[in-house]
Amino acid sequence: MTIAPEAPTTLRFLSLELTARCPLSCSHCYAEAGPTRGHGSMTGEDWHRVIDEAAALGTTTVQMIGGEPTLHPDFTELAEHALRVGLRVRVYSNLYRVREEHWRLFAHPHLGLACSYYSDDAAEHDTITGRPGSHAKTRDHIIEAVRRGIPVKVGVIHIHEGQRAEQARAEMQALGVEEVHVDGVRAVGNASSTAVPSTSALCGRCGHGKAAILPDGQVAPCEIGRFLTAGSVKHTSLASVLSSSRWAKATARVPLPAPTACKPSDCEPAASDGCSPSKDKPCGPMGLSGADPNRTLGT
């Protein structure tokens, strides 16, 4: 007789990286996403099953990310399914293209919307994203979200010295965005200068009540800690992965934050409690030399 593994004690937050495809080509992208990347090997049916399993494990929130999650052909149905089974949904989009069906979805009271922004200067923003015109489209869609009364959280990612990050923060606040913060880039994916990423790029809360599933079904402590995979949900259950010895070893590699460090419920800028954008104190990488973990990065 086969005994099923026990489910993990807590799984509050689950990131679903639906796709690696993205209209932008950001040089700092942790997922190394881009216009020519695919949706991965996870099917729509696979994602539906994972959402059901997450709800059964007591998860309260799923975050849909990418790449650009809205480019996945099943994005809207997956988000609606998660809402139907009682989960809160957060969508991390670049807001480059937004269809009317997306606006209707974003208006749901149990859905939160977040995006990244880089500069109040169009040329600087477009250089960072690698996509001419991306500044205008993202900015226009942020304005439209505010006009529609849809709360949007904006994370201004500080990439390099001299970047107009603080001006971008001020611009967003002037446009009516209530939750804006500046965060530093994480040395993972395109931003990593080494072949093997370091756990020092992590905030220290990865795997503690949270997990991420990548486009190929691999499970990691979070989307930033994507190099610490612990098994795949393509051919086994989420509970099996999270109760495995591989998961225990992966999460054990994450350095715990100092007692004074902020305690986010999930990765910024999607957090709504703990270390939230509204408090302007995102959690920085643990390995940031000489950094106060409670200060705003990039300022």
C-alpha atoms as a PDB file:
ATOM      1  CA  MET A   1       0.000   0.000   0.000  1.00  0.00           C
ATOM      2  CA  THR A   2       1.380   3.414  -0.984  1.00  0.00           C
ATOM      3  CA  ILE A   3       1.092   6.117   1.641  1.00  0.00           C
ATOM      4  CA  ALA A   4       0.736   9.626   0.273  1.00  0.00           C
ATOM      5  CA  PRO A   5       3.145  12.159   1.716  1.00  0.00           C
ATOM      6  CA  GLU A   6       1.805  14.619   4.223  1.00  0.00           C
ATOM      7  CA  ALA A   7       0.984  18.054   2.925  1.00  0.00           C
ATOM      8  CA  PRO A   8       3.193  20.919   4.100  1.00  0.00           C
ATOM      9  CA  THR A   9       1.928  22.654   7.228  1.00  0.00           C
ATOM     10  CA  THR A  10       1.520  26.040   5.559  1.00  0.00           C
ATOM     11  CA  LEU A  11       1.469  27.356   2.015  1.00  0.00           C
ATOM     12  CA  ARG A  12      -0.011  30.824   2.048  1.00  0.00           C
ATOM     13  CA  PHE A  13       1.324  32.208  -1.205  1.00  0.00           C
ATOM     14  CA  LEU A  14       2.051  30.537  -4.544  1.00  0.00           C
ATOM     15  CA  SER A  15       3.555  32.209  -7.622  1.00  0.00           C
ATOM     16  CA  LEU A  16       2.577  30.709 -10.959  1.00  0.00           C
ATOM     17  CA  GLU A  17       5.079  31.643 -13.657  1.00  0.00           C
ATOM     18  CA  LEU A  18       2.771  30.950 -16.566  1.00  0.00           C
ATOM     19  CA  THR A  19       5.149  31.794 -19.389  1.00  0.00           C
ATOM     20  CA  ALA A  20       8.617  33.005 -20.315  1.00  0.00           C
ATOM     21  CA  ARG A  21       7.236  35.006 -23.242  1.00  0.00           C
ATOM     22  CA  CYS A  22       7.285  38.778 -22.894  1.00  0.00           C
ATOM     23  CA  PRO A  23       7.140  41.699 -25.351  1.00  0.00           C
ATOM     24  CA  LEU A  24      10.046  43.308 -23.478  1.00  0.00           C
ATOM     25  CA  SER A  25      13.706  42.280 -23.375  1.00  0.00           C
ATOM     26  CA  CYS A  26      14.868  43.674 -20.045  1.00  0.00           C
ATOM     27  CA  SER A  27      18.575  43.190 -19.402  1.00  0.00           C
ATOM     28  CA  HIS A  28      17.894  42.592 -15.697  1.00  0.00           C
ATOM     29  CA  CYS A  29      15.029  40.072 -16.059  1.00  0.00           C
ATOM     30  CA  TYR A  30      15.351  37.317 -13.449  1.00  0.00           C
ATOM     31  CA  ALA A  31      13.340  34.946 -15.684  1.00  0.00           C
ATOM     32  CA  GLU A  32      15.366  35.729 -18.828  1.00  0.00           C
ATOM     33  CA  ALA A  33      12.037  36.289 -20.561  1.00  0.00           C
ATOM     34  CA  GLY A  34      11.601  37.765 -24.024  1.00  0.00           C
ATOM     35  CA  PRO A  35       9.550  37.878 -27.242  1.00  0.00           C
ATOM     36  CA  THR A  36      10.919  34.591 -28.601  1.00  0.00           C
ATOM     37  CA  ARG A  37      10.493  32.533 -25.423  1.00  0.00           C
ATOM     38  CA  GLY A  38       7.715  29.963 -25.082  1.00  0.00           C
ATOM     39  CA  HIS A  39       5.015  29.124 -22.565  1.00  0.00           C
ATOM     40  CA  GLY A  40       6.830  26.083 -21.197  1.00  0.00           C
ATOM     41  CA  SER A  41       5.629  22.504 -20.884  1.00  0.00           C
ATOM     42  CA  MET A  42       2.846  23.151 -18.358  1.00  0.00           C
ATOM     43  CA  THR A  43      -0.545  22.876 -20.072  1.00  0.00           C
ATOM     44  CA  GLY A  44      -3.687  24.751 -19.153  1.00  0.00           C
ATOM     45  CA  GLU A  45      -4.961  21.537 -17.571  1.00  0.00           C
ATOM     46  CA  ASP A  46      -1.778  21.267 -15.499  1.00  0.00           C
ATOM     47  CA  TRP A  47      -2.207  24.820 -14.206  1.00  0.00           C
ATOM     48  CA  HIS A  48      -5.879  24.198 -13.358  1.00  0.00           C
ATOM     49  CA  ARG A  49      -4.877  21.137 -11.327  1.00  0.00           C
ATOM     50  CA  VAL A  50      -2.137  23.026  -9.492  1.00  0.00           C
ATOM     51  CA  ILE A  51      -4.567  25.820  -8.594  1.00  0.00           C
ATOM     52  CA  ASP A  52      -6.998  23.244  -7.166  1.00  0.00           C
ATOM     53  CA  GLU A  53      -4.189  21.581  -5.223  1.00  0.00           C
ATOM     54  CA  ALA A  54      -3.007  24.913  -3.847  1.00  0.00           C
ATOM     55  CA  ALA A  55      -6.522  25.730  -2.622  1.00  0.00           C
ATOM     56  CA  ALA A  56      -6.740  22.304  -0.963  1.00  0.00           C
ATOM     57  CA  LEU A  57      -3.436  22.986   0.832  1.00  0.00           C
ATOM     58  CA  GLY A  58      -4.845  26.156   2.363  1.00  0.00           C
ATOM     59  CA  THR A  59      -3.163  28.656   0.063  1.00  0.00           C
ATOM     60  CA  THR A  60      -4.809  32.068   0.260  1.00  0.00           C
ATOM     61  CA  THR A  61      -3.173  33.853  -2.687  1.00  0.00           C
ATOM     62  CA  VAL A  62      -1.735  32.946  -6.074  1.00  0.00           C
ATOM     63  CA  GLN A  63       0.360  35.390  -8.066  1.00  0.00           C
ATOM     64  CA  MET A  64       0.389  35.074 -11.848  1.00  0.00           C
ATOM     65  CA  ILE A  65       3.666  36.204 -13.332  1.00  0.00           C
ATOM     66  CA  GLY A  66       5.977  35.568 -16.262  1.00  0.00           C
ATOM     67  CA  GLY A  67       7.348  36.668 -18.616  1.00  0.00           C
ATOM     68  CA  GLU A  68       4.119  38.478 -19.238  1.00  0.00           C
ATOM     69  CA  PRO A  69       1.300  36.318 -17.802  1.00  0.00           C
ATOM     70  CA  THR A  70      -1.415  37.888 -19.942  1.00  0.00           C
ATOM     71  CA  LEU A  71       0.283  36.433 -23.038  1.00  0.00           C
ATOM     72  CA  HIS A  72      -0.527  32.883 -21.933  1.00  0.00           C
ATOM     73  CA  PRO A  73      -3.547  31.672 -23.965  1.00  0.00           C
ATOM     74  CA  ASP A  74      -5.305  30.441 -20.803  1.00  0.00           C
ATOM     75  CA  PHE A  75      -4.458  33.419 -18.607  1.00  0.00           C
ATOM     76  CA  THR A  76      -7.964  34.823 -18.152  1.00  0.00           C
ATOM     77  CA  GLU A  77      -9.542  31.411 -17.551  1.00  0.00           C
ATOM     78  CA  LEU A  78      -6.829  30.451 -15.050  1.00  0.00           C
ATOM     79  CA  ALA A  79      -7.259  33.687 -13.092  1.00  0.00           C
ATOM     80  CA  GLU A  80     -11.040  33.280 -13.088  1.00  0.00           C
ATOM     81  CA  HIS A  81     -10.689  29.658 -11.975  1.00  0.00           C
ATOM     82  CA  ALA A  82      -8.477  30.668  -9.052  1.00  0.00           C
ATOM     83  CA  LEU A  83     -11.054  33.266  -8.024  1.00  0.00           C
ATOM     84  CA  ARG A  84     -13.850  30.681  -8.311  1.00  0.00           C
ATOM     85  CA  VAL A  85     -12.139  28.299  -5.902  1.00  0.00           C
ATOM     86  CA  GLY A  86     -11.775  31.070  -3.325  1.00  0.00           C
ATOM     87  CA  LEU A  87      -8.214  32.251  -3.863  1.00  0.00           C
ATOM     88  CA  ARG A  88      -7.055  35.829  -4.052  1.00  0.00           C
ATOM     89  CA  VAL A  89      -5.193  36.531  -7.284  1.00  0.00           C
ATOM     90  CA  ARG A  90      -2.340  38.923  -7.951  1.00  0.00           C
ATOM     91  CA  VAL A  91      -1.260  39.675 -11.488  1.00  0.00           C
ATOM     92  CA  TYR A  92       2.232  41.013 -12.107  1.00  0.00           C
ATOM     93  CA  SER A  93       2.074  42.510 -15.603  1.00  0.00           C
ATOM     94  CA  ASN A  94       4.262  44.931 -17.537  1.00  0.00           C
ATOM     95  CA  LEU A  95       0.992  46.588 -18.694  1.00  0.00           C
ATOM     96  CA  TYR A  96       2.385  46.889 -22.206  1.00  0.00           C
ATOM     97  CA  ARG A  97      -0.771  45.493 -23.796  1.00  0.00           C
ATOM     98  CA  VAL A  98      -4.109  45.293 -21.984  1.00  0.00           C
ATOM     99  CA  ARG A  99      -7.246  43.912 -23.625  1.00  0.00           C
ATOM    100  CA  GLU A 100     -10.751  44.820 -22.509  1.00  0.00           C
ATOM    101  CA  GLU A 101     -11.225  41.343 -21.023  1.00  0.00           C
ATOM    102  CA  HIS A 102      -8.181  42.019 -18.865  1.00  0.00           C
ATOM    103  CA  TRP A 103      -9.630  45.280 -17.554  1.00  0.00           C
ATOM    104  CA  ARG A 104     -12.809  43.446 -16.551  1.00  0.00           C
ATOM    105  CA  LEU A 105     -10.725  40.838 -14.757  1.00  0.00           C
ATOM    106  CA  PHE A 106      -8.497  43.407 -13.053  1.00  0.00           C
ATOM    107  CA  ALA A 107     -11.587  45.089 -11.612  1.00  0.00           C
ATOM    108  CA  HIS A 108     -12.472  41.988  -9.557  1.00  0.00           C
ATOM    109  CA  PRO A 109     -12.408  42.857  -5.830  1.00  0.00           C
ATOM    110  CA  HIS A 110     -10.235  39.845  -5.006  1.00  0.00           C
ATOM    111  CA  LEU A 111      -7.629  40.538  -7.679  1.00  0.00           C
ATOM    112  CA  GLY A 112      -4.586  42.755  -7.206  1.00  0.00           C
ATOM    113  CA  LEU A 113      -2.528  44.296 -10.004  1.00  0.00           C
ATOM    114  CA  ALA A 114       1.187  45.144  -9.927  1.00  0.00           C
ATOM    115  CA  CYS A 115       3.758  46.263 -12.471  1.00  0.00           C
ATOM    116  CA  SER A 116       7.339  47.496 -12.803  1.00  0.00           C
ATOM    117  CA  TYR A 117       8.363  50.955 -13.960  1.00  0.00           C
ATOM    118  CA  TYR A 118      11.816  52.387 -14.513  1.00  0.00           C
ATOM    119  CA  SER A 119      11.939  56.101 -15.232  1.00  0.00           C
ATOM    120  CA  ASP A 120       9.894  59.205 -15.875  1.00  0.00           C
ATOM    121  CA  ASP A 121      12.117  59.668 -18.930  1.00  0.00           C
ATOM    122  CA  ALA A 122      10.749  57.692 -21.885  1.00  0.00           C
ATOM    123  CA  ALA A 123      14.138  57.113 -23.530  1.00  0.00           C
ATOM    124  CA  GLU A 124      15.684  55.778 -20.331  1.00  0.00           C
ATOM    125  CA  HIS A 125      12.708  53.516 -19.610  1.00  0.00           C
ATOM    126  CA  ASP A 126      12.693  52.127 -23.164  1.00  0.00           C
ATOM    127  CA  THR A 127      16.437  51.481 -23.068  1.00  0.00           C
ATOM    128  CA  ILE A 128      16.012  49.382 -19.929  1.00  0.00           C
ATOM    129  CA  THR A 129      13.109  47.371 -21.363  1.00  0.00           C
ATOM    130  CA  GLY A 130      14.656  47.035 -24.810  1.00  0.00           C
ATOM    131  CA  ARG A 131      11.322  48.007 -26.368  1.00  0.00           C
ATOM    132  CA  PRO A 132      10.749  51.424 -27.992  1.00  0.00           C
ATOM    133  CA  GLY A 133       7.408  52.836 -26.950  1.00  0.00           C
ATOM    134  CA  SER A 134       7.113  50.680 -23.825  1.00  0.00           C
ATOM    135  CA  HIS A 135       7.234  53.706 -21.514  1.00  0.00           C
ATOM    136  CA  ALA A 136       4.258  55.368 -23.181  1.00  0.00           C
ATOM    137  CA  LYS A 137       2.149  52.192 -23.206  1.00  0.00           C
ATOM    138  CA  THR A 138       2.892  51.182 -19.627  1.00  0.00           C
ATOM    139  CA  ARG A 139       2.345  54.724 -18.349  1.00  0.00           C
ATOM    140  CA  ASP A 140      -0.931  55.080 -20.273  1.00  0.00           C
ATOM    141  CA  HIS A 141      -2.234  51.799 -18.874  1.00  0.00           C
ATOM    142  CA  ILE A 142      -1.282  52.785 -15.322  1.00  0.00           C
ATOM    143  CA  ILE A 143      -3.256  55.994 -15.843  1.00  0.00           C
ATOM    144  CA  GLU A 144      -6.188  53.968 -17.200  1.00  0.00           C
ATOM    145  CA  ALA A 145      -6.126  51.661 -14.172  1.00  0.00           C
ATOM    146  CA  VAL A 146      -6.286  54.671 -11.855  1.00  0.00           C
ATOM    147  CA  ARG A 147      -9.114  56.151 -13.949  1.00  0.00           C
ATOM    148  CA  ARG A 148     -11.084  52.916 -13.651  1.00  0.00           C
ATOM    149  CA  GLY A 149     -10.537  52.784  -9.894  1.00  0.00           C
ATOM    150  CA  ILE A 150      -8.346  49.674 -10.154  1.00  0.00           C
ATOM    151  CA  PRO A 151      -5.593  49.776  -7.509  1.00  0.00           C
ATOM    152  CA  VAL A 152      -2.185  49.149  -9.064  1.00  0.00           C
ATOM    153  CA  LYS A 153       1.067  48.703  -7.147  1.00  0.00           C
ATOM    154  CA  VAL A 154       4.144  49.971  -8.915  1.00  0.00           C
ATOM    155  CA  GLY A 155       7.672  48.823  -8.238  1.00  0.00           C
ATOM    156  CA  VAL A 156      10.340  51.160  -9.587  1.00  0.00           C
ATOM    157  CA  ILE A 157      13.365  48.931 -10.219  1.00  0.00           C
ATOM    158  CA  HIS A 158      16.671  50.719  -9.717  1.00  0.00           C
ATOM    159  CA  ILE A 159      19.095  49.337 -12.327  1.00  0.00           C
ATOM    160  CA  HIS A 160      22.037  51.745 -12.495  1.00  0.00           C
ATOM    161  CA  GLU A 161      23.533  54.874 -11.017  1.00  0.00           C
ATOM    162  CA  GLY A 162      21.987  58.086 -12.272  1.00  0.00           C
ATOM    163  CA  GLN A 163      18.693  56.419 -13.167  1.00  0.00           C
ATOM    164  CA  ARG A 164      15.654  58.622 -12.609  1.00  0.00           C
ATOM    165  CA  ALA A 165      14.115  56.180 -10.143  1.00  0.00           C
ATOM    166  CA  GLU A 166      13.047  58.710  -7.537  1.00  0.00           C
ATOM    167  CA  GLN A 167      11.564  60.932 -10.229  1.00  0.00           C
ATOM    168  CA  ALA A 168       9.622  57.905 -11.463  1.00  0.00           C
ATOM    169  CA  ARG A 169       8.320  57.290  -7.960  1.00  0.00           C
ATOM    170  CA  ALA A 170       7.192  60.917  -7.685  1.00  0.00           C
ATOM    171  CA  GLU A 171       5.561  60.736 -11.117  1.00  0.00           C
ATOM    172  CA  MET A 172       3.535  57.663 -10.164  1.00  0.00           C
ATOM    173  CA  GLN A 173       2.371  59.272  -6.949  1.00  0.00           C
ATOM    174  CA  ALA A 174       1.363  62.407  -8.852  1.00  0.00           C
ATOM    175  CA  LEU A 175      -0.688  60.246 -11.236  1.00  0.00           C
ATOM    176  CA  GLY A 176      -2.662  58.846  -8.301  1.00  0.00           C
ATOM    177  CA  VAL A 177      -0.869  55.524  -7.715  1.00  0.00           C
ATOM    178  CA  GLU A 178      -1.130  54.968  -3.967  1.00  0.00           C
ATOM    179  CA  GLU A 179       1.448  52.202  -3.549  1.00  0.00           C
ATOM    180  CA  VAL A 180       4.863  52.860  -5.085  1.00  0.00           C
ATOM    181  CA  HIS A 181       8.304  51.747  -3.942  1.00  0.00           C
ATOM    182  CA  VAL A 182      11.837  51.664  -5.246  1.00  0.00           C
ATOM    183  CA  ASP A 183      13.650  48.327  -5.183  1.00  0.00           C
ATOM    184  CA  GLY A 184      17.078  47.162  -6.265  1.00  0.00           C
ATOM    185  CA  VAL A 185      17.661  44.683  -9.045  1.00  0.00           C
ATOM    186  CA  ARG A 186      18.284  41.070  -7.980  1.00  0.00           C
ATOM    187  CA  ALA A 187      21.388  39.286  -9.304  1.00  0.00           C
ATOM    188  CA  VAL A 188      19.456  36.420 -10.863  1.00  0.00           C
ATOM    189  CA  GLY A 189      18.875  35.532 -14.511  1.00  0.00           C
ATOM    190  CA  ASN A 190      19.955  38.263 -16.927  1.00  0.00           C
ATOM    191  CA  ALA A 191      21.232  40.363 -14.035  1.00  0.00           C
ATOM    192  CA  SER A 192      23.552  37.688 -12.698  1.00  0.00           C
ATOM    193  CA  SER A 193      27.230  38.276 -13.405  1.00  0.00           C
ATOM    194  CA  THR A 194      28.114  34.684 -12.547  1.00  0.00           C
ATOM    195  CA  ALA A 195      27.135  31.343 -14.037  1.00  0.00           C
ATOM    196  CA  VAL A 196      25.696  30.174 -10.704  1.00  0.00           C
ATOM    197  CA  PRO A 197      23.340  32.597  -8.892  1.00  0.00           C
ATOM    198  CA  SER A 198      23.905  33.177  -5.186  1.00  0.00           C
ATOM    199  CA  THR A 199      21.375  32.846  -2.400  1.00  0.00           C
ATOM    200  CA  SER A 200      22.600  36.265  -1.265  1.00  0.00           C
ATOM    201  CA  ALA A 201      20.248  37.699  -3.927  1.00  0.00           C
ATOM    202  CA  LEU A 202      17.258  36.457  -1.915  1.00  0.00           C
ATOM    203  CA  CYS A 203      15.375  38.348   0.798  1.00  0.00           C
ATOM    204  CA  GLY A 204      15.530  35.357   3.138  1.00  0.00           C
ATOM    205  CA  ARG A 205      11.827  34.501   3.270  1.00  0.00           C
ATOM    206  CA  CYS A 206      11.738  32.202   0.224  1.00  0.00           C
ATOM    207  CA  GLY A 207      10.058  28.866   0.875  1.00  0.00           C
ATOM    208  CA  HIS A 208       8.565  29.922   4.197  1.00  0.00           C
ATOM    209  CA  GLY A 209       4.840  29.625   3.555  1.00  0.00           C
ATOM    210  CA  LYS A 210       5.395  30.326  -0.126  1.00  0.00           C
ATOM    211  CA  ALA A 211       6.575  28.653  -3.310  1.00  0.00           C
ATOM    212  CA  ALA A 212       6.779  29.275  -7.043  1.00  0.00           C
ATOM    213  CA  ILE A 213       6.062  27.041 -10.026  1.00  0.00           C
ATOM    214  CA  LEU A 214       8.026  27.718 -13.196  1.00  0.00           C
ATOM    215  CA  PRO A 215       6.751  27.247 -16.793  1.00  0.00           C
ATOM    216  CA  ASP A 216       8.196  23.714 -16.955  1.00  0.00           C
ATOM    217  CA  GLY A 217       6.516  22.676 -13.700  1.00  0.00           C
ATOM    218  CA  GLN A 218       9.618  22.924 -11.536  1.00  0.00           C
ATOM    219  CA  VAL A 219       8.911  24.106  -7.996  1.00  0.00           C
ATOM    220  CA  ALA A 220      11.215  26.629  -6.303  1.00  0.00           C
ATOM    221  CA  PRO A 221      11.092  28.549  -3.003  1.00  0.00           C
ATOM    222  CA  CYS A 222      10.176  31.699  -4.962  1.00  0.00           C
ATOM    223  CA  GLU A 223      10.501  33.085  -8.477  1.00  0.00           C
ATOM    224  CA  ILE A 224      13.762  34.843  -7.592  1.00  0.00           C
ATOM    225  CA  GLY A 225      15.136  31.654  -6.036  1.00  0.00           C
ATOM    226  CA  ARG A 226      14.397  29.774  -9.257  1.00  0.00           C
ATOM    227  CA  PHE A 227      17.825  28.090  -9.154  1.00  0.00           C
ATOM    228  CA  LEU A 228      16.774  26.085  -6.058  1.00  0.00           C
ATOM    229  CA  THR A 229      14.282  23.744  -7.744  1.00  0.00           C
ATOM    230  CA  ALA A 230      12.997  20.776  -5.774  1.00  0.00           C
ATOM    231  CA  GLY A 231      10.939  18.707  -8.217  1.00  0.00           C
ATOM    232  CA  SER A 232       8.192  19.097 -10.803  1.00  0.00           C
ATOM    233  CA  VAL A 233       4.398  19.142 -10.583  1.00  0.00           C
ATOM    234  CA  LYS A 234       4.097  17.892 -14.169  1.00  0.00           C
ATOM    235  CA  HIS A 235       3.900  14.291 -13.014  1.00  0.00           C
ATOM    236  CA  THR A 236       3.287  14.498  -9.280  1.00  0.00           C
ATOM    237  CA  SER A 237       1.266  16.566  -6.843  1.00  0.00           C
ATOM    238  CA  LEU A 238       2.270  19.873  -5.327  1.00  0.00           C
ATOM    239  CA  ALA A 239       1.930  18.351  -1.859  1.00  0.00           C
ATOM    240  CA  SER A 240       4.386  15.600  -2.812  1.00  0.00           C
ATOM    241  CA  VAL A 241       6.991  18.115  -3.901  1.00  0.00           C
ATOM    242  CA  LEU A 242       6.560  20.336  -0.854  1.00  0.00           C
ATOM    243  CA  SER A 243       6.838  17.415   1.566  1.00  0.00           C
ATOM    244  CA  SER A 244       9.926  15.933  -0.115  1.00  0.00           C
ATOM    245  CA  SER A 245      13.505  15.890   1.141  1.00  0.00           C
ATOM    246  CA  ARG A 246      14.523  17.880  -1.947  1.00  0.00           C
ATOM    247  CA  TRP A 247      12.221  20.712  -0.868  1.00  0.00           C
ATOM    248  CA  ALA A 248      13.631  20.640   2.645  1.00  0.00           C
ATOM    249  CA  LYS A 249      17.180  20.849   1.263  1.00  0.00           C
ATOM    250  CA  ALA A 250      16.271  23.673  -1.132  1.00  0.00           C
ATOM    251  CA  THR A 251      14.659  25.830   1.546  1.00  0.00           C
ATOM    252  CA  ALA A 252      17.500  25.104   3.951  1.00  0.00           C
ATOM    253  CA  ARG A 253      19.868  26.827   1.503  1.00  0.00           C
ATOM    254  CA  VAL A 254      17.984  30.112   1.849  1.00  0.00           C
ATOM    255  CA  PRO A 255      19.769  32.335   4.390  1.00  0.00           C
ATOM    256  CA  LEU A 256      17.426  33.522   7.104  1.00  0.00           C
ATOM    257  CA  PRO A 257      17.083  37.292   7.509  1.00  0.00           C
ATOM    258  CA  ALA A 258      18.275  39.130  10.577  1.00  0.00           C
ATOM    259  CA  PRO A 259      15.704  39.463  13.396  1.00  0.00           C
ATOM    260  CA  THR A 260      15.282  43.154  12.553  1.00  0.00           C
ATOM    261  CA  ALA A 261      14.669  42.523   8.842  1.00  0.00           C
ATOM    262  CA  CYS A 262      11.218  43.164   7.449  1.00  0.00           C
ATOM    263  CA  LYS A 263       8.958  40.168   7.036  1.00  0.00           C
ATOM    264  CA  PRO A 264       7.107  40.299   3.709  1.00  0.00           C
ATOM    265  CA  SER A 265       4.272  37.900   2.991  1.00  0.00           C
ATOM    266  CA  ASP A 266       5.550  37.519  -0.544  1.00  0.00           C
ATOM    267  CA  CYS A 267       7.950  39.039  -3.081  1.00  0.00           C
ATOM    268  CA  GLU A 268       7.737  42.771  -3.713  1.00  0.00           C
ATOM    269  CA  PRO A 269       6.032  44.681  -5.183  1.00  0.00           C
ATOM    270  CA  ALA A 270       3.031  42.392  -4.765  1.00  0.00           C
ATOM    271  CA  ALA A 271       3.003  42.396  -0.967  1.00  0.00           C
ATOM    272  CA  SER A 272      -0.058  43.793   0.730  1.00  0.00           C
ATOM    273  CA  ASP A 273       1.010  43.359   4.328  1.00  0.00           C
ATOM    274  CA  GLY A 274       4.188  43.075   6.343  1.00  0.00           C
ATOM    275  CA  CYS A 275       6.833  44.868   4.298  1.00  0.00           C
ATOM    276  CA  SER A 276       4.570  46.632   1.867  1.00  0.00           C
ATOM    277  CA  PRO A 277       5.187  49.164  -0.905  1.00  0.00           C
ATOM    278  CA  SER A 278       3.026  51.669   0.930  1.00  0.00           C
ATOM    279  CA  LYS A 279       5.598  51.688   3.717  1.00  0.00           C
ATOM    280  CA  ASP A 280       8.411  52.279   1.205  1.00  0.00           C
ATOM    281  CA  LYS A 281      10.529  49.573   2.808  1.00  0.00           C
ATOM    282  CA  PRO A 282      10.932  46.599   0.442  1.00  0.00           C
ATOM    283  CA  CYS A 283      13.130  43.743   1.572  1.00  0.00           C
ATOM    284  CA  GLY A 284      16.517  43.856  -0.091  1.00  0.00           C
ATOM    285  CA  PRO A 285      18.791  40.970  -1.055  1.00  0.00           C
ATOM    286  CA  MET A 286      20.427  39.396   1.986  1.00  0.00           C
ATOM    287  CA  GLY A 287      23.848  39.806   0.418  1.00  0.00           C
ATOM    288  CA  LEU A 288      23.605  43.545  -0.225  1.00  0.00           C
ATOM    289  CA  SER A 289      26.862  44.729   1.293  1.00  0.00           C
ATOM    290  CA  GLY A 290      26.396  47.133   4.165  1.00  0.00           C
ATOM    291  CA  ALA A 291      22.670  47.469   3.580  1.00  0.00           C
ATOM    292  CA  ASP A 292      20.121  48.172   6.215  1.00  0.00           C
ATOM    293  CA  PRO A 293      17.400  45.577   5.445  1.00  0.00           C
ATOM    294  CA  ASN A 294      14.729  48.082   6.448  1.00  0.00           C
ATOM    295  CA  ARG A 295      15.797  50.858   4.088  1.00  0.00           C
ATOM    296  CA  THR A 296      14.480  51.538   0.605  1.00  0.00           C
ATOM    297  CA  LEU A 297      16.888  50.321  -2.049  1.00  0.00           C
ATOM    298  CA  GLY A 298      18.139  52.623  -4.747  1.00  0.00           C
ATOM    299  CA  THR A 299      17.787  55.828  -2.740  1.00  0.00           C
END
